[in-house]
Amino acid sequence: MNGWFDAAWMAESLRSRSARDVVAEVYRHLQSPVYSYLHATVGSRVEAEDLTQEVFVRLHQELQRGKAIRNLRSWMFSVAHNLAMDACRRETHRGVLAEEDLVQTAGQERDLIEGERNRKMTASLQRLSPRERQCLELRAEGLRYREIADVLQVSVASVQSFLARAVSKLKEEL
């Protein structure tokens, strides 16, 4: 899978396949990590699912326009990050987040049980600064420091600093 995210892979893929087929392949590889990042950022499964779909719609639109994407994974997480920040601003503007109906399905019940087990970790993560948490979540999704810096539009040194502080704070609490 080396080189899968680079411009050469994208150019070769678009020469031999339609934008729709390329997006379908990217979806198979990146849907789960993009969704995980969005869910951790916005806190709602439903909102994260909607935003994940929007990321892939935007990828399709960019490819249809013939836009070159230098680093696909970094581009995808940048779009996801921006959509998540917009969603958070909308929710803040509207006030309190609407609670999901937690009794609808067994899957939601299972999520509640799992969530309770992770309560302490979640509480610790919430005490991190937004940038520390974002850096940690992106790193957990496998992004390199340079990619995280690109997504958050900060320097690599800032990413290193945010991650070091986050790890230090989590070590203290846990």
Foldseek 3Di string as FASTA:
>chain_A
DPPCFFQVVVVVCVVVDPLVVVLVVVCVVCLVLLLQLLCLLQVDNVLSVVLSVVLSVVSSVCVVVVHGDGGRVLSSLLSSVVSSVVVVVVCVVVPHDDDDDQPPDVVSVVVVVVCVVCVQVSVLLVPQDPLLNSLVSVVVSPDDLVSSCSSVVHDSVVSVVSPVVSVVSVVVSD
